[in-house]
Amino acid sequence: MENWTVRHALAAAVARGPARPFLQVVDGPLVSYGEISDLAHRVARGLRDLVGLRKGDLVMTMLPNGLEVIAAWLGCGVLGAIEVCLNTSYRGGPLVHAVNACGARVLVLSSEALPAAAEVSSQLRALTHLVVVGAVANMSERLAGLTILPWEALLAEAPAHNSLEDLHGRDLAAILYTSGTTGSAKPVLLTHAQNYLTAHKTRDCVEIGDSDVSYCFHPMFHMAGKFMAAYGSLLAGSKLVLDRRFVPEAWISRVREFGATIGYGHGPMLEMIHAVPPTGDDANHKMTRVLAAPFPRRIAKDFERRFGVRGLECWGMTEIGIVTWPGMHEKPPFGSCGRVDRSLFDLRIVDPETDEELPVGQAGEMVVRAQRPWILFQGYLGMPDATLRAWRNGWFHTGDTGRIDADGYVHFVDRVTDKIRRRAENIASYDIESAAGAHPAIAEAAAVGVPSGFEGDDDIKLSIVLRAGAELAPAELIEFLAAELPHHMVPRYVERLKALPRSPTNKVRKAELRASGIGPGAWDRKVAGMSLREVFGKVSGKCG
């Protein structure tokens, strides 16, 4: 485990052949293992010498898919700094919370994200430095008090190969944000060992060889993109094709263009790809396997037949990595997400009310603990109470429902907790409700997930109660929220109620709001013809 670090993994990959291709950015450069190592060591030197960072210091990154996000990740890994991965669509309250919750003083971001940072810069308490990829146009006054460095300044430094502090698998490597049922997104502390293990198991499960080409459209602020696709390719010494965004209609053409042999996806994304009209030659490519979490049951068999691939389903989450894996040469029961490696993890199915283990085949909450040190998350930064609640009775409570059959195969069933899951993003209803509650016309608000039409995916319904005598058009509310929230948090439905349903202890009965679905009185943003792209363009124009 001592060598389960990004620094060691990168050095080992370069030793196998520095000229071999590592990263192909769609519409961007092709970079070899030697070149990415040089960039990473330059970034490490720049962060150390220009910003004064050392092992264990925090570096926030808010970068879209591209060469820079990979170089920043590996540069932090080489230095031993802890990368705090921020969603590139964060703005307003969620951005302020994410920055202040970790207390990092350095943010590496793209010029496209600068307006969002500038809008709230006075509220970012610990921030002292911005490292900007791209131009800093007309932003200096709005970012007064912050030291602004161009990305190129980091790269101008000589590579840092010497004087690096010792690094171990037990050291912290990253912080990712994940949303639960209460409060804003929680900062999850991840070790080098945990992330290495996720990559190692990805490589072994999908059997990534050095001649494989992995195609990834996942953002690098999520586990699937960074620790499965990118890190898995690094450990295998293979090539990663990184797309800048997910475009369902372009998926098959990208697979063909770059000769991809391995694909990754979340359930709703695979359903969107499947929804693109077939062409008759959809199996004419080199891809042979697709790893997903989950692999939607209603399209799984047809997806495999149509595209000529093997579908592989795994299960996990940010806090625990991936716990169940399928076998390439097994024939698991339809709908299962593989089995647990009992040398690494214990997985139990328990009654969510009592934590008592349930019989084989019965569905209950999935709880996990590790058989080895440092391979599960180390808590939520600055949130000891939330950490203790998550680890009730010595087991991490996932909030997911599942069952284990007699052969040990795990079947994901549903979510226990009140989470909103939209397009692979876990969303804290608290953030939506807080933003809505800031509108002067709104007395109360509650956000819940309702079925989107994609398996395991939600649309957002916002139920509101107006103040006495107030009027508020739903479209006006959407524009207001778009100025405060990332696009994936903006509700599709707005429902006006006289009062929110409450329990005897005055808690909002969200189960009742979910169960009521989309009633005839609910306003639908899509039916109203309101484009989020246009709304955000309008909002950005006001803020720019």
Protein backbone atom coordinates (compact mmCIF):
# COMPACT_ATOMS: atom_id res chain seq x y z
CA MET A 1 0.00 0.00 0.00
CA GLU A 2 2.99 2.30 0.44
CA ASN A 3 3.16 2.77 -3.33
CA TRP A 4 -0.58 3.20 -3.85
CA THR A 5 -0.14 6.85 -4.82
CA VAL A 6 -0.57 8.97 -7.93
CA ARG A 7 3.13 9.90 -7.83
CA HIS A 8 4.26 6.27 -7.93
CA ALA A 9 1.63 5.27 -10.51
CA LEU A 10 2.73 8.05 -12.87
CA ALA A 11 6.41 7.19 -12.48
CA ALA A 12 5.70 3.51 -13.15
CA ALA A 13 3.69 4.35 -16.28
CA VAL A 14 6.47 6.55 -17.65
CA ALA A 15 9.06 3.86 -16.94
CA ARG A 16 7.12 1.46 -19.17
CA GLY A 17 7.57 3.82 -22.12
CA PRO A 18 7.49 7.62 -22.05
CA ALA A 19 6.65 7.95 -25.76
CA ARG A 20 3.46 5.90 -25.55
CA PRO A 21 0.23 7.91 -25.94
CA PHE A 22 -1.68 8.58 -22.73
CA LEU A 23 -4.25 11.31 -23.36
CA GLN A 24 -6.16 12.34 -26.45
CA VAL A 25 -8.46 15.28 -25.82
CA VAL A 26 -11.29 15.44 -28.35
CA ASP A 27 -10.61 18.49 -30.53
CA GLY A 28 -7.38 18.90 -28.59
CA PRO A 29 -3.85 17.59 -28.19
CA LEU A 30 -2.46 14.07 -28.05
CA VAL A 31 -0.12 13.79 -25.07
CA SER A 32 2.36 11.02 -24.27
CA TYR A 33 3.13 9.58 -20.85
CA GLY A 34 6.43 11.44 -20.79
CA GLU A 35 4.77 14.73 -21.71
CA ILE A 36 2.00 14.47 -19.11
CA SER A 37 4.61 13.58 -16.48
CA ASP A 38 6.61 16.69 -17.39
CA LEU A 39 3.48 18.86 -17.16
CA ALA A 40 2.51 17.32 -13.81
CA HIS A 41 5.95 17.96 -12.33
CA ARG A 42 5.89 21.55 -13.62
CA VAL A 43 2.50 22.11 -12.00
CA ALA A 44 3.83 20.63 -8.75
CA ARG A 45 6.86 22.93 -8.84
CA GLY A 46 4.70 25.96 -9.63
CA LEU A 47 2.27 25.28 -6.80
CA ARG A 48 5.18 24.81 -4.43
CA ASP A 49 7.41 27.72 -5.45
CA LEU A 50 4.91 30.32 -6.68
CA VAL A 51 2.06 29.69 -4.25
CA GLY A 52 3.92 28.17 -1.31
CA LEU A 53 2.03 24.89 -1.11
CA ARG A 54 3.36 21.71 0.44
CA LYS A 55 2.23 18.14 1.00
CA GLY A 56 -1.17 18.10 2.71
CA ASP A 57 -2.20 21.58 1.54
CA LEU A 58 -5.49 21.99 -0.33
CA VAL A 59 -5.81 22.98 -3.99
CA MET A 60 -9.28 23.55 -5.42
CA THR A 61 -9.77 22.80 -9.11
CA MET A 62 -12.75 23.97 -11.14
CA LEU A 63 -11.79 22.91 -14.64
CA PRO A 64 -13.68 21.45 -17.60
CA ASN A 65 -12.47 18.30 -19.31
CA GLY A 66 -9.21 18.91 -21.12
CA LEU A 67 -5.46 18.67 -20.77
CA GLU A 68 -5.33 21.13 -17.87
CA VAL A 69 -7.65 19.19 -15.55
CA ILE A 70 -5.51 16.05 -15.98
CA ALA A 71 -2.27 17.98 -15.47
CA ALA A 72 -3.66 19.66 -12.34
CA TRP A 73 -4.79 16.33 -10.87
CA LEU A 74 -1.45 14.65 -11.50
CA GLY A 75 0.46 17.75 -10.41
CA CYS A 76 -1.33 17.75 -7.06
CA GLY A 77 -0.59 14.04 -6.77
CA VAL A 78 3.10 14.52 -7.46
CA LEU A 79 3.36 17.33 -4.90
CA GLY A 80 1.26 15.52 -2.31
CA ALA A 81 -1.28 18.34 -2.22
CA ILE A 82 -4.94 17.46 -1.67
CA GLU A 83 -7.05 18.25 -4.73
CA VAL A 84 -10.52 19.62 -3.94
CA CYS A 85 -12.61 18.90 -7.03
CA LEU A 86 -15.36 21.47 -7.66
CA ASN A 87 -18.27 21.04 -10.02
CA THR A 88 -17.69 23.42 -12.93
CA SER A 89 -21.33 24.51 -12.89
CA TYR A 90 -21.21 25.70 -9.26
CA ARG A 91 -22.27 29.29 -8.74
CA GLY A 92 -23.86 31.38 -6.01
CA GLY A 93 -24.53 29.66 -2.70
CA PRO A 94 -23.27 26.19 -3.67
CA LEU A 95 -19.95 27.67 -4.81
CA VAL A 96 -19.55 29.74 -1.65
CA HIS A 97 -20.31 26.69 0.49
CA ALA A 98 -17.88 24.42 -1.37
CA VAL A 99 -15.00 26.89 -1.17
CA ASN A 100 -15.54 27.87 2.45
CA ALA A 101 -16.25 24.33 3.67
CA CYS A 102 -12.76 23.15 2.74
CA GLY A 103 -10.89 26.36 3.60
CA ALA A 104 -8.48 26.12 0.67
CA ARG A 105 -6.65 29.28 -0.31
CA VAL A 106 -5.89 28.35 -3.93
CA LEU A 107 -8.38 27.84 -6.76
CA VAL A 108 -7.35 26.67 -10.22
CA LEU A 109 -10.17 27.49 -12.62
CA SER A 110 -10.99 28.24 -16.23
CA SER A 111 -11.70 31.71 -17.54
CA GLU A 112 -15.27 30.55 -18.18
CA ALA A 113 -15.73 30.04 -14.44
CA LEU A 114 -14.31 33.44 -13.51
CA PRO A 115 -17.63 35.36 -13.62
CA ALA A 116 -19.20 32.92 -11.14
CA ALA A 117 -16.19 33.26 -8.82
CA ALA A 118 -16.14 37.04 -9.18
CA GLU A 119 -19.81 37.31 -8.20
CA VAL A 120 -19.12 35.78 -4.79
CA SER A 121 -15.42 36.58 -4.30
CA SER A 122 -16.09 38.79 -1.27
CA GLN A 123 -17.69 35.80 0.49
CA LEU A 124 -14.80 33.37 -0.09
CA ARG A 125 -13.12 33.64 3.27
CA ALA A 126 -9.82 31.76 2.94
CA LEU A 127 -9.17 32.23 -0.77
CA THR A 128 -5.96 34.14 -1.60
CA HIS A 129 -4.85 32.87 -5.03
CA LEU A 130 -6.50 32.18 -8.37
CA VAL A 131 -4.68 30.24 -11.08
CA VAL A 132 -6.54 30.92 -14.31
CA VAL A 133 -6.58 28.85 -17.49
CA GLY A 134 -7.38 31.37 -20.24
CA ALA A 135 -7.82 35.12 -20.37
CA VAL A 136 -8.67 37.29 -17.37
CA ALA A 137 -10.65 39.97 -19.20
CA ASN A 138 -12.27 42.84 -17.29
CA MET A 139 -12.15 40.92 -14.02
CA SER A 140 -9.31 42.52 -12.07
CA GLU A 141 -11.45 45.02 -10.15
CA ARG A 142 -14.03 42.40 -9.21
CA LEU A 143 -11.27 40.11 -7.94
CA ALA A 144 -9.44 42.77 -5.94
CA GLY A 145 -7.44 41.37 -3.05
CA LEU A 146 -6.72 38.06 -4.77
CA THR A 147 -3.40 37.14 -6.34
CA ILE A 148 -4.08 36.04 -9.92
CA LEU A 149 -1.61 33.79 -11.72
CA PRO A 150 -1.92 32.55 -15.30
CA TRP A 151 -1.79 28.79 -15.79
CA GLU A 152 1.27 29.31 -17.97
CA ALA A 153 3.17 30.61 -14.93
CA LEU A 154 2.96 27.16 -13.34
CA LEU A 155 4.15 25.47 -16.51
CA ALA A 156 7.11 27.84 -16.81
CA GLU A 157 8.65 26.36 -13.68
CA ALA A 158 11.27 23.62 -14.01
CA PRO A 159 9.83 20.17 -13.24
CA ALA A 160 9.89 19.22 -9.55
CA HIS A 161 11.64 15.86 -9.45
CA ASN A 162 13.67 16.50 -6.33
CA SER A 163 12.94 17.62 -2.77
CA LEU A 164 9.47 16.06 -2.78
CA GLU A 165 8.12 14.96 0.58
CA ASP A 166 7.48 11.26 1.19
CA LEU A 167 4.04 10.08 0.17
CA HIS A 168 2.08 7.02 1.37
CA GLY A 169 -1.20 5.41 0.42
CA ARG A 170 -2.70 6.47 3.74
CA ASP A 171 -2.15 10.16 2.93
CA LEU A 172 -5.11 12.23 1.82
CA ALA A 173 -5.29 12.74 -1.95
CA ALA A 174 -8.60 14.39 -2.75
CA ILE A 175 -11.83 15.92 -1.55
CA LEU A 176 -14.97 15.34 -3.58
CA TYR A 177 -18.33 16.82 -2.73
CA THR A 178 -21.38 14.63 -2.39
CA SER A 179 -24.94 15.52 -1.48
CA GLY A 180 -27.14 13.78 1.05
CA THR A 181 -30.57 14.34 2.47
CA THR A 182 -29.93 17.39 4.65
CA GLY A 183 -27.73 20.42 4.33
CA SER A 184 -25.39 21.36 1.51
CA ALA A 185 -22.92 19.08 -0.23
CA LYS A 186 -20.46 17.35 2.11
CA PRO A 187 -16.67 17.34 1.51
CA VAL A 188 -15.54 13.70 1.38
CA LEU A 189 -11.94 12.95 2.43
CA LEU A 190 -10.32 10.37 0.13
CA THR A 191 -6.91 8.76 0.55
CA HIS A 192 -4.41 7.85 -2.15
CA ALA A 193 -5.03 4.19 -1.31
CA GLN A 194 -8.79 4.45 -1.84
CA ASN A 195 -8.45 6.14 -5.23
CA TYR A 196 -5.69 3.77 -6.32
CA LEU A 197 -7.83 0.78 -5.38
CA THR A 198 -10.76 2.12 -7.43
CA ALA A 199 -8.46 2.46 -10.43
CA HIS A 200 -6.80 -0.92 -9.84
CA LYS A 201 -10.14 -2.74 -9.63
CA THR A 202 -11.40 -0.89 -12.73
CA ARG A 203 -8.36 -2.03 -14.66
CA ASP A 204 -8.80 -5.63 -13.53
CA CYS A 205 -12.57 -5.77 -13.93
CA VAL A 206 -12.64 -4.36 -17.46
CA GLU A 207 -9.30 -6.03 -18.23
CA ILE A 208 -7.71 -2.86 -19.56
CA GLY A 209 -4.56 -3.71 -21.51
CA ASP A 210 -1.87 -1.37 -22.78
CA SER A 211 -3.36 -1.50 -26.29
CA ASP A 212 -6.86 -0.51 -25.16
CA VAL A 213 -8.41 2.89 -25.77
CA SER A 214 -10.90 4.15 -23.18
CA TYR A 215 -13.47 6.77 -24.20
CA CYS A 216 -14.68 8.98 -21.36
CA PHE A 217 -17.09 11.91 -21.33
CA HIS A 218 -17.52 12.03 -17.54
CA PRO A 219 -16.37 15.22 -15.83
CA MET A 220 -13.16 14.96 -13.86
CA PHE A 221 -14.75 16.25 -10.66
CA HIS A 222 -16.48 12.87 -10.27
CA MET A 223 -15.11 9.49 -9.25
CA ALA A 224 -16.17 7.76 -12.49
CA GLY A 225 -14.20 10.07 -14.74
CA LYS A 226 -11.08 10.60 -12.66
CA PHE A 227 -10.52 7.47 -10.61
CA MET A 228 -12.07 4.86 -12.90
CA ALA A 229 -11.53 5.97 -16.50
CA ALA A 230 -8.46 8.22 -16.21
CA TYR A 231 -6.63 6.55 -13.31
CA GLY A 232 -7.55 3.08 -14.58
CA SER A 233 -5.97 3.93 -17.95
CA LEU A 234 -2.88 5.28 -16.20
CA LEU A 235 -2.37 2.05 -14.24
CA ALA A 236 -2.84 -0.01 -17.41
CA GLY A 237 -0.45 2.12 -19.45
CA SER A 238 -3.19 2.58 -22.02
CA LYS A 239 -4.72 5.52 -23.89
CA LEU A 240 -7.56 7.71 -22.64
CA VAL A 241 -9.77 9.67 -25.03
CA LEU A 242 -11.31 12.51 -23.04
CA ASP A 243 -14.33 14.27 -24.47
CA ARG A 244 -15.09 17.80 -23.36
CA ARG A 245 -18.80 17.10 -22.88
CA PHE A 246 -21.45 14.41 -23.22
CA VAL A 247 -23.33 14.49 -26.53
CA PRO A 248 -25.50 11.38 -27.01
CA GLU A 249 -25.78 11.86 -30.77
CA ALA A 250 -21.99 11.99 -31.11
CA TRP A 251 -21.19 8.94 -28.97
CA ILE A 252 -20.97 6.30 -31.70
CA SER A 253 -19.05 8.59 -34.07
CA ARG A 254 -16.53 9.38 -31.32
CA VAL A 255 -16.12 5.66 -30.57
CA ARG A 256 -15.37 5.01 -34.24
CA GLU A 257 -13.18 8.06 -34.79
CA PHE A 258 -10.81 7.29 -31.94
CA GLY A 259 -10.89 3.50 -32.09
CA ALA A 260 -12.21 3.21 -28.55
CA THR A 261 -12.36 -0.31 -27.12
CA ILE A 262 -13.78 0.54 -23.66
CA GLY A 263 -16.59 2.87 -22.64
CA TYR A 264 -17.97 4.23 -19.37
CA GLY A 265 -21.40 5.57 -18.54
CA HIS A 266 -24.06 6.30 -15.97
CA GLY A 267 -27.50 4.78 -16.47
CA PRO A 268 -29.35 7.87 -17.76
CA MET A 269 -26.54 8.63 -20.19
CA LEU A 270 -26.71 5.13 -21.66
CA GLU A 271 -30.47 5.54 -22.03
CA MET A 272 -29.91 8.79 -23.94
CA ILE A 273 -27.42 7.05 -26.24
CA HIS A 274 -29.88 4.21 -26.74
CA ALA A 275 -32.65 6.73 -27.55
CA VAL A 276 -30.70 8.02 -30.57
CA PRO A 277 -32.31 6.40 -33.65
CA PRO A 278 -30.37 3.31 -34.79
CA THR A 279 -28.48 3.46 -38.08
CA GLY A 280 -28.05 -0.20 -38.93
CA ASP A 281 -24.28 -0.22 -38.47
CA ASP A 282 -24.16 0.76 -34.81
CA ALA A 283 -22.03 -2.31 -34.04
CA ASN A 284 -19.40 -1.30 -36.60
CA HIS A 285 -16.62 -0.20 -34.24
CA LYS A 286 -13.90 -1.58 -31.96
CA MET A 287 -15.58 -1.15 -28.57
CA THR A 288 -16.17 -4.43 -26.75
CA ARG A 289 -17.22 -3.49 -23.20
CA VAL A 290 -19.02 -0.70 -21.37
CA LEU A 291 -18.80 -0.27 -17.58
CA ALA A 292 -21.76 1.48 -15.98
CA ALA A 293 -23.36 2.24 -12.63
CA PRO A 294 -26.09 1.28 -13.10
CA PHE A 295 -26.66 -0.42 -16.46
CA PRO A 296 -30.39 0.24 -17.01
CA ARG A 297 -32.28 -3.04 -17.03
CA ARG A 298 -34.93 -1.97 -19.50
CA ILE A 299 -32.38 -1.28 -22.25
CA ALA A 300 -29.47 -3.51 -21.20
CA LYS A 301 -30.04 -6.45 -23.53
CA ASP A 302 -30.96 -4.33 -26.53
CA PHE A 303 -28.01 -1.97 -25.91
CA GLU A 304 -25.61 -4.93 -25.92
CA ARG A 305 -27.19 -6.39 -29.07
CA ARG A 306 -27.40 -3.11 -30.98
CA PHE A 307 -23.88 -1.89 -30.23
CA GLY A 308 -22.18 -5.28 -29.99
CA VAL A 309 -20.73 -4.67 -26.53
CA ARG A 310 -20.61 -6.43 -23.18
CA GLY A 311 -22.40 -4.42 -20.51
CA LEU A 312 -20.80 -4.49 -17.06
CA GLU A 313 -22.52 -3.06 -13.99
CA CYS A 314 -20.77 -2.11 -10.76
CA TRP A 315 -21.97 -0.35 -7.59
CA GLY A 316 -20.45 2.17 -5.24
CA MET A 317 -20.36 5.83 -4.27
CA THR A 318 -17.87 8.56 -3.49
CA GLU A 319 -17.41 7.62 0.18
CA ILE A 320 -16.65 3.95 -0.44
CA GLY A 321 -15.39 3.80 -4.00
CA ILE A 322 -16.63 0.80 -5.98
CA VAL A 323 -17.52 -2.17 -3.76
CA THR A 324 -19.16 -4.65 -6.16
CA TRP A 325 -17.62 -5.67 -9.46
CA PRO A 326 -18.77 -7.98 -12.27
CA GLY A 327 -16.46 -10.55 -13.80
CA MET A 328 -15.63 -10.30 -17.49
CA HIS A 329 -15.82 -14.06 -17.89
CA GLU A 330 -18.81 -14.70 -15.64
CA LYS A 331 -22.46 -14.79 -16.56
CA PRO A 332 -24.04 -12.95 -13.63
CA PRO A 333 -27.80 -12.99 -13.19
CA PHE A 334 -29.53 -10.27 -15.17
CA GLY A 335 -29.72 -7.00 -13.27
CA SER A 336 -26.94 -7.75 -10.79
CA CYS A 337 -23.99 -5.43 -10.19
CA GLY A 338 -21.39 -8.09 -9.44
CA ARG A 339 -19.99 -9.48 -6.22
CA VAL A 340 -17.94 -8.19 -3.31
CA ASP A 341 -14.25 -8.94 -2.94
CA ARG A 342 -14.43 -10.11 0.68
CA SER A 343 -10.69 -9.62 1.13
CA LEU A 344 -11.34 -5.89 0.80
CA PHE A 345 -14.89 -5.16 1.96
CA ASP A 346 -17.76 -6.46 4.04
CA LEU A 347 -21.22 -5.74 2.66
CA ARG A 348 -24.39 -6.45 4.62
CA ILE A 349 -28.06 -6.01 3.89
CA VAL A 350 -29.78 -4.66 7.00
CA ASP A 351 -33.09 -3.36 8.23
CA PRO A 352 -32.70 0.44 7.88
CA GLU A 353 -34.55 1.00 11.16
CA THR A 354 -32.73 -1.53 13.37
CA ASP A 355 -29.43 -2.27 11.54
CA GLU A 356 -30.14 -5.99 12.00
CA GLU A 357 -28.91 -8.21 9.16
CA LEU A 358 -31.63 -9.54 6.85
CA PRO A 359 -31.90 -13.04 5.34
CA VAL A 360 -30.34 -13.88 1.98
CA GLY A 361 -32.46 -12.55 -0.87
CA GLN A 362 -34.33 -9.96 1.17
CA ALA A 363 -33.93 -6.30 0.26
CA GLY A 364 -32.67 -3.77 2.80
CA GLU A 365 -30.12 -1.02 3.25
CA MET A 366 -26.61 -1.76 2.00
CA VAL A 367 -23.97 -1.09 4.67
CA VAL A 368 -20.22 -1.40 4.17
CA ARG A 369 -16.98 -1.63 6.12
CA ALA A 370 -13.37 -2.25 5.07
CA GLN A 371 -11.15 -5.28 5.63
CA ARG A 372 -8.03 -3.19 5.03
CA PRO A 373 -7.05 0.23 6.38
CA TRP A 374 -7.31 3.47 4.40
CA ILE A 375 -9.52 2.19 1.56
CA LEU A 376 -12.72 3.93 2.66
CA PHE A 377 -13.24 7.65 3.10
CA GLN A 378 -11.81 9.31 6.19
CA GLY A 379 -14.90 11.30 7.07
CA TYR A 380 -16.58 14.52 6.02
CA LEU A 381 -14.24 17.48 6.43
CA GLY A 382 -15.32 19.66 9.34
CA MET A 383 -18.50 17.61 9.88
CA PRO A 384 -17.86 15.16 12.75
CA ASP A 385 -21.56 14.70 13.53
CA ALA A 386 -22.40 13.79 9.92
CA THR A 387 -19.45 11.39 9.88
CA LEU A 388 -20.66 9.67 13.05
CA ARG A 389 -24.21 9.35 11.69
CA ALA A 390 -22.92 7.80 8.48
CA TRP A 391 -20.87 5.23 10.45
CA ARG A 392 -23.65 4.08 12.77
CA ASN A 393 -22.83 0.84 14.60
CA GLY A 394 -19.46 0.57 12.89
CA TRP A 395 -20.82 0.31 9.36
CA PHE A 396 -21.07 2.98 6.67
CA HIS A 397 -24.73 3.43 5.80
CA THR A 398 -25.03 4.00 2.06
CA GLY A 399 -28.68 4.99 1.87
CA ASP A 400 -29.09 2.50 -1.00
CA THR A 401 -31.38 -0.52 -0.99
CA GLY A 402 -30.16 -3.82 -2.34
CA ARG A 403 -30.22 -7.57 -1.90
CA ILE A 404 -27.68 -10.39 -2.12
CA ASP A 405 -28.74 -13.64 -3.75
CA ALA A 406 -27.68 -17.16 -2.76
CA ASP A 407 -24.68 -17.03 -5.12
CA GLY A 408 -23.37 -13.81 -3.62
CA TYR A 409 -24.42 -11.53 -6.46
CA VAL A 410 -25.54 -8.07 -5.38
CA HIS A 411 -28.64 -6.44 -6.83
CA PHE A 412 -29.16 -2.69 -6.47
CA VAL A 413 -32.85 -1.96 -5.86
CA ASP A 414 -33.42 1.70 -4.96
CA ARG A 415 -32.42 4.51 -2.65
CA VAL A 416 -33.50 4.51 0.99
CA THR A 417 -32.74 8.12 1.70
CA ASP A 418 -34.28 11.29 0.36
CA LYS A 419 -31.64 11.98 -2.28
CA ILE A 420 -32.16 13.66 -5.62
CA ARG A 421 -30.12 12.06 -8.40
CA ARG A 422 -30.07 13.90 -11.72
CA ARG A 423 -27.86 13.07 -14.69
CA ALA A 424 -25.24 11.41 -12.45
CA GLU A 425 -25.25 14.35 -10.01
CA ASN A 426 -26.24 13.92 -6.37
CA ILE A 427 -28.17 17.03 -5.42
CA ALA A 428 -28.80 18.47 -1.97
CA SER A 429 -32.40 19.65 -1.80
CA TYR A 430 -31.21 22.09 0.85
CA ASP A 431 -29.34 24.15 -1.76
CA ILE A 432 -32.41 24.48 -3.97
CA GLU A 433 -34.67 25.27 -1.02
CA SER A 434 -32.25 27.87 0.34
CA ALA A 435 -32.00 29.61 -3.02
CA ALA A 436 -35.79 29.61 -3.45
CA GLY A 437 -36.30 30.82 0.11
CA ALA A 438 -34.20 33.89 -0.66
CA HIS A 439 -36.89 35.15 -3.04
CA PRO A 440 -39.00 37.76 -1.24
CA ALA A 441 -42.27 36.25 -2.48
CA ILE A 442 -41.62 32.76 -1.10
CA ALA A 443 -42.50 31.76 2.45
CA GLU A 444 -41.57 28.06 2.21
CA ALA A 445 -40.07 25.73 -0.35
CA ALA A 446 -39.38 22.00 -0.62
CA ALA A 447 -37.54 20.23 -3.43
CA VAL A 448 -37.95 16.54 -4.24
CA GLY A 449 -36.99 14.18 -7.01
CA VAL A 450 -39.68 12.80 -9.31
CA PRO A 451 -39.20 10.21 -12.07
CA SER A 452 -37.54 11.68 -15.16
CA GLY A 453 -38.28 8.84 -17.53
CA PHE A 454 -34.74 7.48 -17.21
CA GLU A 455 -34.01 4.58 -14.87
CA GLY A 456 -32.54 5.72 -11.55
CA ASP A 457 -32.77 9.37 -12.54
CA ASP A 458 -34.86 12.28 -11.27
CA ASP A 459 -36.33 15.52 -12.43
CA ILE A 460 -36.73 18.16 -9.73
CA LYS A 461 -40.08 19.34 -8.43
CA LEU A 462 -40.10 22.48 -6.28
CA SER A 463 -43.16 22.97 -4.11
CA ILE A 464 -43.58 26.54 -2.89
CA VAL A 465 -45.82 28.47 -0.53
CA LEU A 466 -46.07 32.19 -1.29
CA ARG A 467 -46.19 34.92 1.30
CA ALA A 468 -49.56 36.52 1.92
CA GLY A 469 -50.48 38.79 -0.96
CA ALA A 470 -47.41 37.88 -3.03
CA GLU A 471 -47.47 36.84 -6.68
CA LEU A 472 -44.71 35.02 -8.51
CA ALA A 473 -44.76 33.55 -12.01
CA PRO A 474 -42.93 30.20 -12.29
CA ALA A 475 -40.80 31.48 -15.18
CA GLU A 476 -39.68 34.42 -13.03
CA LEU A 477 -38.72 32.01 -10.26
CA ILE A 478 -36.68 29.88 -12.67
CA GLU A 479 -34.72 32.93 -13.81
CA PHE A 480 -34.12 33.86 -10.18
CA LEU A 481 -32.84 30.35 -9.36
CA ALA A 482 -30.64 30.22 -12.47
CA ALA A 483 -28.70 33.19 -11.09
CA GLU A 484 -27.99 31.26 -7.88
CA LEU A 485 -27.71 27.58 -8.81
CA PRO A 486 -25.89 25.26 -11.22
CA HIS A 487 -27.97 24.16 -14.20
CA HIS A 488 -28.52 20.64 -12.86
CA MET A 489 -30.17 22.05 -9.71
CA VAL A 490 -32.73 24.24 -11.50
CA PRO A 491 -36.18 22.59 -11.12
CA ARG A 492 -38.23 21.39 -14.04
CA TYR A 493 -41.52 21.56 -12.15
CA VAL A 494 -42.91 24.28 -9.90
CA GLU A 495 -45.91 23.46 -7.74
CA ARG A 496 -47.73 26.12 -5.73
CA LEU A 497 -49.33 24.91 -2.49
CA LYS A 498 -51.25 26.60 0.29
CA ALA A 499 -49.06 24.79 2.83
CA LEU A 500 -46.36 22.13 2.82
CA PRO A 501 -47.41 18.77 4.31
CA ARG A 502 -45.79 18.33 7.72
CA SER A 503 -45.37 15.67 10.38
CA PRO A 504 -46.44 16.13 14.02
CA THR A 505 -42.85 17.25 14.70
CA ASN A 506 -43.18 19.88 11.95
CA LYS A 507 -40.88 18.14 9.46
CA VAL A 508 -41.85 18.46 5.80
CA ARG A 509 -43.29 15.17 4.54
CA LYS A 510 -41.19 14.88 1.42
CA ALA A 511 -42.33 11.33 0.79
CA GLU A 512 -45.83 12.73 0.35
CA LEU A 513 -44.59 15.38 -2.09
CA ARG A 514 -42.77 12.71 -4.10
CA ALA A 515 -45.73 10.36 -4.06
CA SER A 516 -48.07 13.06 -5.36
CA GLY A 517 -45.95 13.24 -8.50
CA ILE A 518 -46.73 15.85 -11.11
CA GLY A 519 -50.27 17.01 -10.52
CA PRO A 520 -52.39 19.00 -12.98
CA GLY A 521 -51.53 22.21 -11.17
CA ALA A 522 -47.76 21.82 -11.53
CA TRP A 523 -45.97 24.09 -13.99
CA ASP A 524 -43.55 22.32 -16.36
CA ARG A 525 -40.56 24.31 -17.61
CA LYS A 526 -40.19 22.14 -20.71
CA VAL A 527 -43.87 22.30 -21.65
CA ALA A 528 -43.63 26.07 -21.24
CA GLY A 529 -40.81 26.07 -23.79
CA MET A 530 -38.30 27.58 -21.37
CA SER A 531 -34.75 26.68 -22.41
CA LEU A 532 -32.19 26.55 -19.61
CA ARG A 533 -29.46 27.37 -22.11
CA GLU A 534 -31.24 30.63 -22.97
CA VAL A 535 -32.00 31.37 -19.33
CA PHE A 536 -28.37 30.92 -18.28
CA GLY A 537 -27.21 33.00 -21.24
CA LYS A 538 -29.50 35.79 -20.11
CA VAL A 539 -28.36 35.50 -16.50
CA SER A 540 -24.67 35.42 -17.48
CA GLY A 541 -25.20 38.54 -19.56
CA LYS A 542 -26.49 40.36 -16.51
CA CYS A 543 -23.63 39.13 -14.34
CA GLY A 544 -20.79 39.54 -16.82
